[in-house]
Amino acid sequence: NKAYFYDLNTKLSYRLNKNNNIYLSGYFGRDVFEIADSFENTYGNSVLNFRWNHLFSDKLFSNLSLIYSDYDYNLKLNFVDFYLNSGIKNFNIKYDLKHYLSTTLKWFYGLNSVYYKFNPGKIEPTSSSSGINPFKLTDKYALENAVYVDLEHQLSNKVAISYGIRLS
């Protein structure tokens, strides 16, 4: 039997000038469970994020993010000689602004667009003696766009109120 897991986080940053910074960050993780060469379950996620931070003034800054995410799920059943694979990939672009109106009031607003690719499932035989016929469900696609506005009001050292709206 086998069971192992790993997670890797990484971040690189580079200062272009006093008003512009770029960042490249990633997350990679995988979980694997195997029981006596008869069953194997593997799943994981990979995320890559490129972000540009721009400072307009000491009260206003922005972040432009380009994000790629890939989640996959795999199941191998050797006792019936078949393999199943499914997953979700998405490509995300975000432009967020943060505006400090005063010491007690912050205004957040931005745009977001996400393109999704869904692999609902694919099965394949793992040997010529398998009774499983290969089959793939049709991939699905979606596009989600959004705009948002959020206000955060600091009422005291211990109490803050956040309210906003998101149209998606």
C-alpha atoms as a PDB file:
ATOM      1  CA  ASN A   1       0.000   0.000   0.000  1.00  0.00           C
ATOM      2  CA  LYS A   2       1.092   3.567  -0.676  1.00  0.00           C
ATOM      3  CA  ALA A   3      -0.041   6.960   0.488  1.00  0.00           C
ATOM      4  CA  TYR A   4       1.817  10.173  -0.038  1.00  0.00           C
ATOM      5  CA  PHE A   5       1.092  13.825  -0.415  1.00  0.00           C
ATOM      6  CA  TYR A   6       3.038  16.887  -1.430  1.00  0.00           C
ATOM      7  CA  ASP A   7       2.451  20.598  -1.640  1.00  0.00           C
ATOM      8  CA  LEU A   8       4.850  23.119  -3.093  1.00  0.00           C
ATOM      9  CA  ASN A   9       4.370  26.873  -2.894  1.00  0.00           C
ATOM     10  CA  THR A  10       6.704  29.267  -4.626  1.00  0.00           C
ATOM     11  CA  LYS A  11       6.822  33.015  -5.186  1.00  0.00           C
ATOM     12  CA  LEU A  12       9.233  35.222  -7.084  1.00  0.00           C
ATOM     13  CA  SER A  13       9.083  38.997  -6.995  1.00  0.00           C
ATOM     14  CA  TYR A  14      10.827  41.702  -8.967  1.00  0.00           C
ATOM     15  CA  ARG A  15      10.728  45.451  -8.420  1.00  0.00           C
ATOM     16  CA  LEU A  16      10.615  47.262 -11.766  1.00  0.00           C
ATOM     17  CA  ASN A  17      10.672  50.711 -10.156  1.00  0.00           C
ATOM     18  CA  LYS A  18       9.233  52.445  -7.079  1.00  0.00           C
ATOM     19  CA  ASN A  19       5.660  52.232  -8.470  1.00  0.00           C
ATOM     20  CA  ASN A  20       5.685  48.826 -10.187  1.00  0.00           C
ATOM     21  CA  ASN A  21       6.311  45.302  -8.938  1.00  0.00           C
ATOM     22  CA  ILE A  22       5.733  41.972 -10.646  1.00  0.00           C
ATOM     23  CA  TYR A  23       5.202  38.616  -8.996  1.00  0.00           C
ATOM     24  CA  LEU A  24       5.150  35.047 -10.224  1.00  0.00           C
ATOM     25  CA  SER A  25       3.738  32.506  -7.819  1.00  0.00           C
ATOM     26  CA  GLY A  26       2.748  28.887  -8.056  1.00  0.00           C
ATOM     27  CA  TYR A  27       1.154  26.093  -6.108  1.00  0.00           C
ATOM     28  CA  PHE A  28       1.571  22.437  -6.961  1.00  0.00           C
ATOM     29  CA  GLY A  29       0.028  19.628  -4.951  1.00  0.00           C
ATOM     30  CA  ARG A  30      -0.654  15.941  -5.411  1.00  0.00           C
ATOM     31  CA  ASP A  31      -2.243  13.231  -3.255  1.00  0.00           C
ATOM     32  CA  VAL A  32      -1.765   9.536  -4.067  1.00  0.00           C
ATOM     33  CA  PHE A  33      -3.426   6.498  -2.457  1.00  0.00           C
ATOM     34  CA  GLU A  34      -2.689   2.967  -3.662  1.00  0.00           C
ATOM     35  CA  ILE A  35      -3.933  -0.289  -2.189  1.00  0.00           C
ATOM     36  CA  ALA A  36      -2.072  -3.495  -3.061  1.00  0.00           C
ATOM     37  CA  ASP A  37      -1.739  -2.754  -6.779  1.00  0.00           C
ATOM     38  CA  SER A  38      -5.520  -3.090  -7.171  1.00  0.00           C
ATOM     39  CA  PHE A  39      -6.670   0.474  -6.591  1.00  0.00           C
ATOM     40  CA  GLU A  40      -4.977   3.824  -7.176  1.00  0.00           C
ATOM     41  CA  ASN A  41      -6.491   7.245  -6.551  1.00  0.00           C
ATOM     42  CA  THR A  42      -4.495  10.319  -7.571  1.00  0.00           C
ATOM     43  CA  TYR A  43      -5.598  13.926  -7.573  1.00  0.00           C
ATOM     44  CA  GLY A  44      -4.007  17.305  -7.449  1.00  0.00           C
ATOM     45  CA  ASN A  45      -3.940  20.923  -8.433  1.00  0.00           C
ATOM     46  CA  SER A  46      -1.495  23.245 -10.149  1.00  0.00           C
ATOM     47  CA  VAL A  47      -1.886  27.021 -10.061  1.00  0.00           C
ATOM     48  CA  LEU A  48       0.303  29.639 -11.708  1.00  0.00           C
ATOM     49  CA  ASN A  49      -0.251  33.347 -11.044  1.00  0.00           C
ATOM     50  CA  PHE A  50       1.442  36.325 -12.682  1.00  0.00           C
ATOM     51  CA  ARG A  51       0.617  39.630 -10.934  1.00  0.00           C
ATOM     52  CA  TRP A  52       1.560  43.209 -11.711  1.00  0.00           C
ATOM     53  CA  ASN A  53       1.167  45.658  -8.822  1.00  0.00           C
ATOM     54  CA  HIS A  54       1.045  49.361  -9.714  1.00  0.00           C
ATOM     55  CA  LEU A  55       1.060  52.212  -7.191  1.00  0.00           C
ATOM     56  CA  PHE A  56      -0.769  55.281  -8.555  1.00  0.00           C
ATOM     57  CA  SER A  57      -0.382  57.191  -5.278  1.00  0.00           C
ATOM     58  CA  ASP A  58      -0.117  56.485  -1.564  1.00  0.00           C
ATOM     59  CA  LYS A  59      -3.946  56.145  -1.547  1.00  0.00           C
ATOM     60  CA  LEU A  60      -4.574  54.138  -4.742  1.00  0.00           C
ATOM     61  CA  PHE A  61      -2.998  50.979  -6.143  1.00  0.00           C
ATOM     62  CA  SER A  62      -3.948  48.226  -8.575  1.00  0.00           C
ATOM     63  CA  ASN A  63      -3.240  44.555  -9.187  1.00  0.00           C
ATOM     64  CA  LEU A  64      -3.509  42.909 -12.590  1.00  0.00           C
ATOM     65  CA  SER A  65      -3.468  39.111 -12.260  1.00  0.00           C
ATOM     66  CA  LEU A  66      -3.265  36.376 -14.897  1.00  0.00           C
ATOM     67  CA  ILE A  67      -4.028  33.007 -13.312  1.00  0.00           C
ATOM     68  CA  TYR A  68      -3.981  29.457 -14.672  1.00  0.00           C
ATOM     69  CA  SER A  69      -5.384  26.560 -12.636  1.00  0.00           C
ATOM     70  CA  ASP A  70      -5.491  22.843 -13.459  1.00  0.00           C
ATOM     71  CA  TYR A  71      -7.230  20.329 -11.178  1.00  0.00           C
ATOM     72  CA  ASP A  72      -7.204  16.660 -12.161  1.00  0.00           C
ATOM     73  CA  TYR A  73      -8.669  13.512 -10.645  1.00  0.00           C
ATOM     74  CA  ASN A  74      -7.556   9.988 -11.614  1.00  0.00           C
ATOM     75  CA  LEU A  75      -8.839   6.593 -10.519  1.00  0.00           C
ATOM     76  CA  LYS A  76      -7.268   3.313 -11.614  1.00  0.00           C
ATOM     77  CA  LEU A  77      -8.958   0.020 -10.735  1.00  0.00           C
ATOM     78  CA  ASN A  78      -6.609  -2.794 -11.727  1.00  0.00           C
ATOM     79  CA  PHE A  79      -9.007  -5.546 -10.602  1.00  0.00           C
ATOM     80  CA  VAL A  80     -11.412  -4.508 -13.406  1.00  0.00           C
ATOM     81  CA  ASP A  81      -8.708  -3.085 -15.719  1.00  0.00           C
ATOM     82  CA  PHE A  82      -9.971   0.445 -16.099  1.00  0.00           C
ATOM     83  CA  TYR A  83      -8.782   4.027 -15.654  1.00  0.00           C
ATOM     84  CA  LEU A  84     -10.913   7.146 -15.061  1.00  0.00           C
ATOM     85  CA  ASN A  85      -9.732  10.726 -15.543  1.00  0.00           C
ATOM     86  CA  SER A  86     -11.571  14.021 -15.008  1.00  0.00           C
ATOM     87  CA  GLY A  87     -10.616  17.612 -14.291  1.00  0.00           C
ATOM     88  CA  ILE A  88     -11.171  21.340 -14.488  1.00  0.00           C
ATOM     89  CA  LYS A  89      -8.878  23.942 -16.046  1.00  0.00           C
ATOM     90  CA  ASN A  90      -9.422  27.661 -15.872  1.00  0.00           C
ATOM     91  CA  PHE A  91      -7.812  30.820 -17.152  1.00  0.00           C
ATOM     92  CA  ASN A  92      -8.520  33.905 -15.062  1.00  0.00           C
ATOM     93  CA  ILE A  93      -7.794  37.605 -15.580  1.00  0.00           C
ATOM     94  CA  LYS A  94      -8.463  40.081 -12.755  1.00  0.00           C
ATOM     95  CA  TYR A  95      -7.958  43.797 -12.453  1.00  0.00           C
ATOM     96  CA  ASP A  96      -8.442  44.992  -8.870  1.00  0.00           C
ATOM     97  CA  LEU A  97      -8.080  48.476  -7.429  1.00  0.00           C
ATOM     98  CA  LYS A  98      -7.814  49.450  -3.778  1.00  0.00           C
ATOM     99  CA  HIS A  99      -8.484  53.051  -2.827  1.00  0.00           C
ATOM    100  CA  TYR A 100      -7.827  54.373   0.689  1.00  0.00           C
ATOM    101  CA  LEU A 101     -10.404  57.149   1.002  1.00  0.00           C
ATOM    102  CA  SER A 102      -9.499  57.856   4.637  1.00  0.00           C
ATOM    103  CA  THR A 103      -7.956  56.065   7.601  1.00  0.00           C
ATOM    104  CA  THR A 104     -11.323  54.406   8.282  1.00  0.00           C
ATOM    105  CA  LEU A 105     -12.745  53.899   4.777  1.00  0.00           C
ATOM    106  CA  LYS A 106     -11.365  51.676   1.974  1.00  0.00           C
ATOM    107  CA  TRP A 107     -12.931  51.214  -1.438  1.00  0.00           C
ATOM    108  CA  PHE A 108     -12.212  48.051  -3.482  1.00  0.00           C
ATOM    109  CA  TYR A 109     -13.406  47.641  -7.073  1.00  0.00           C
ATOM    110  CA  GLY A 110     -12.495  45.623 -10.115  1.00  0.00           C
ATOM    111  CA  LEU A 111     -13.179  43.388 -13.089  1.00  0.00           C
ATOM    112  CA  ASN A 112     -12.797  39.637 -13.425  1.00  0.00           C
ATOM    113  CA  SER A 113     -13.117  37.161 -16.293  1.00  0.00           C
ATOM    114  CA  VAL A 114     -12.712  33.376 -15.980  1.00  0.00           C
ATOM    115  CA  TYR A 115     -12.713  30.827 -18.813  1.00  0.00           C
ATOM    116  CA  TYR A 116     -13.438  27.259 -17.679  1.00  0.00           C
ATOM    117  CA  LYS A 117     -12.780  23.941 -19.404  1.00  0.00           C
ATOM    118  CA  PHE A 118     -14.452  20.964 -17.728  1.00  0.00           C
ATOM    119  CA  ASN A 119     -13.427  17.378 -18.455  1.00  0.00           C
ATOM    120  CA  PRO A 120     -16.371  15.534 -16.844  1.00  0.00           C
ATOM    121  CA  GLY A 121     -14.801  12.136 -17.375  1.00  0.00           C
ATOM    122  CA  LYS A 122     -12.945   9.728 -19.594  1.00  0.00           C
ATOM    123  CA  ILE A 123     -12.626   5.984 -19.009  1.00  0.00           C
ATOM    124  CA  GLU A 124     -10.135   3.696 -20.721  1.00  0.00           C
ATOM    125  CA  PRO A 125      -9.296   0.015 -20.425  1.00  0.00           C
ATOM    126  CA  THR A 126      -5.853  -0.683 -18.944  1.00  0.00           C
ATOM    127  CA  SER A 127      -5.374  -4.076 -20.618  1.00  0.00           C
ATOM    128  CA  SER A 128      -6.490  -5.917 -23.732  1.00  0.00           C
ATOM    129  CA  SER A 129      -8.490  -8.362 -21.574  1.00  0.00           C
ATOM    130  CA  SER A 130     -10.566  -5.573 -19.974  1.00  0.00           C
ATOM    131  CA  GLY A 131     -14.329  -5.616 -20.530  1.00  0.00           C
ATOM    132  CA  ILE A 132     -14.351  -1.802 -20.413  1.00  0.00           C
ATOM    133  CA  ASN A 133     -15.024   0.132 -23.603  1.00  0.00           C
ATOM    134  CA  PRO A 134     -13.270   3.492 -23.851  1.00  0.00           C
ATOM    135  CA  PHE A 135     -15.664   6.405 -23.432  1.00  0.00           C
ATOM    136  CA  LYS A 136     -15.296  10.157 -22.996  1.00  0.00           C
ATOM    137  CA  LEU A 137     -18.007  12.519 -21.858  1.00  0.00           C
ATOM    138  CA  THR A 138     -18.117  15.740 -23.865  1.00  0.00           C
ATOM    139  CA  ASP A 139     -15.938  18.526 -22.501  1.00  0.00           C
ATOM    140  CA  LYS A 140     -17.875  21.564 -21.285  1.00  0.00           C
ATOM    141  CA  TYR A 141     -16.812  25.204 -21.439  1.00  0.00           C
ATOM    142  CA  ALA A 142     -17.939  28.340 -19.647  1.00  0.00           C
ATOM    143  CA  LEU A 143     -17.063  32.013 -19.472  1.00  0.00           C
ATOM    144  CA  GLU A 144     -17.800  34.036 -16.340  1.00  0.00           C
ATOM    145  CA  ASN A 145     -17.390  37.813 -16.248  1.00  0.00           C
ATOM    146  CA  ALA A 146     -17.855  40.022 -13.208  1.00  0.00           C
ATOM    147  CA  VAL A 147     -17.555  43.549 -11.864  1.00  0.00           C
ATOM    148  CA  TYR A 148     -17.548  44.410  -8.187  1.00  0.00           C
ATOM    149  CA  VAL A 149     -17.473  47.252  -5.681  1.00  0.00           C
ATOM    150  CA  ASP A 150     -16.811  46.820  -1.966  1.00  0.00           C
ATOM    151  CA  LEU A 151     -16.519  49.333   0.861  1.00  0.00           C
ATOM    152  CA  GLU A 152     -14.810  48.562   4.149  1.00  0.00           C
ATOM    153  CA  HIS A 153     -15.599  50.903   7.007  1.00  0.00           C
ATOM    154  CA  GLN A 154     -13.517  50.691  10.201  1.00  0.00           C
ATOM    155  CA  LEU A 155     -15.888  51.756  12.986  1.00  0.00           C
ATOM    156  CA  SER A 156     -13.428  51.197  15.847  1.00  0.00           C
ATOM    157  CA  ASN A 157     -10.230  49.275  16.611  1.00  0.00           C
ATOM    158  CA  LYS A 158     -12.288  46.079  16.951  1.00  0.00           C
ATOM    159  CA  VAL A 159     -15.262  46.576  14.606  1.00  0.00           C
ATOM    160  CA  ALA A 160     -15.349  46.947  10.839  1.00  0.00           C
ATOM    161  CA  ILE A 161     -18.189  46.661   8.333  1.00  0.00           C
ATOM    162  CA  SER A 162     -17.685  45.478   4.787  1.00  0.00           C
ATOM    163  CA  TYR A 163     -20.459  45.830   2.193  1.00  0.00           C
ATOM    164  CA  GLY A 164     -20.540  45.641  -1.530  1.00  0.00           C
ATOM    165  CA  ILE A 165     -22.043  44.252  -4.688  1.00  0.00           C
ATOM    166  CA  ARG A 166     -20.826  41.870  -7.368  1.00  0.00           C
ATOM    167  CA  LEU A 167     -22.489  41.475 -10.751  1.00  0.00           C
ATOM    168  CA  SER A 168     -21.574  38.225 -12.470  1.00  0.00           C
END
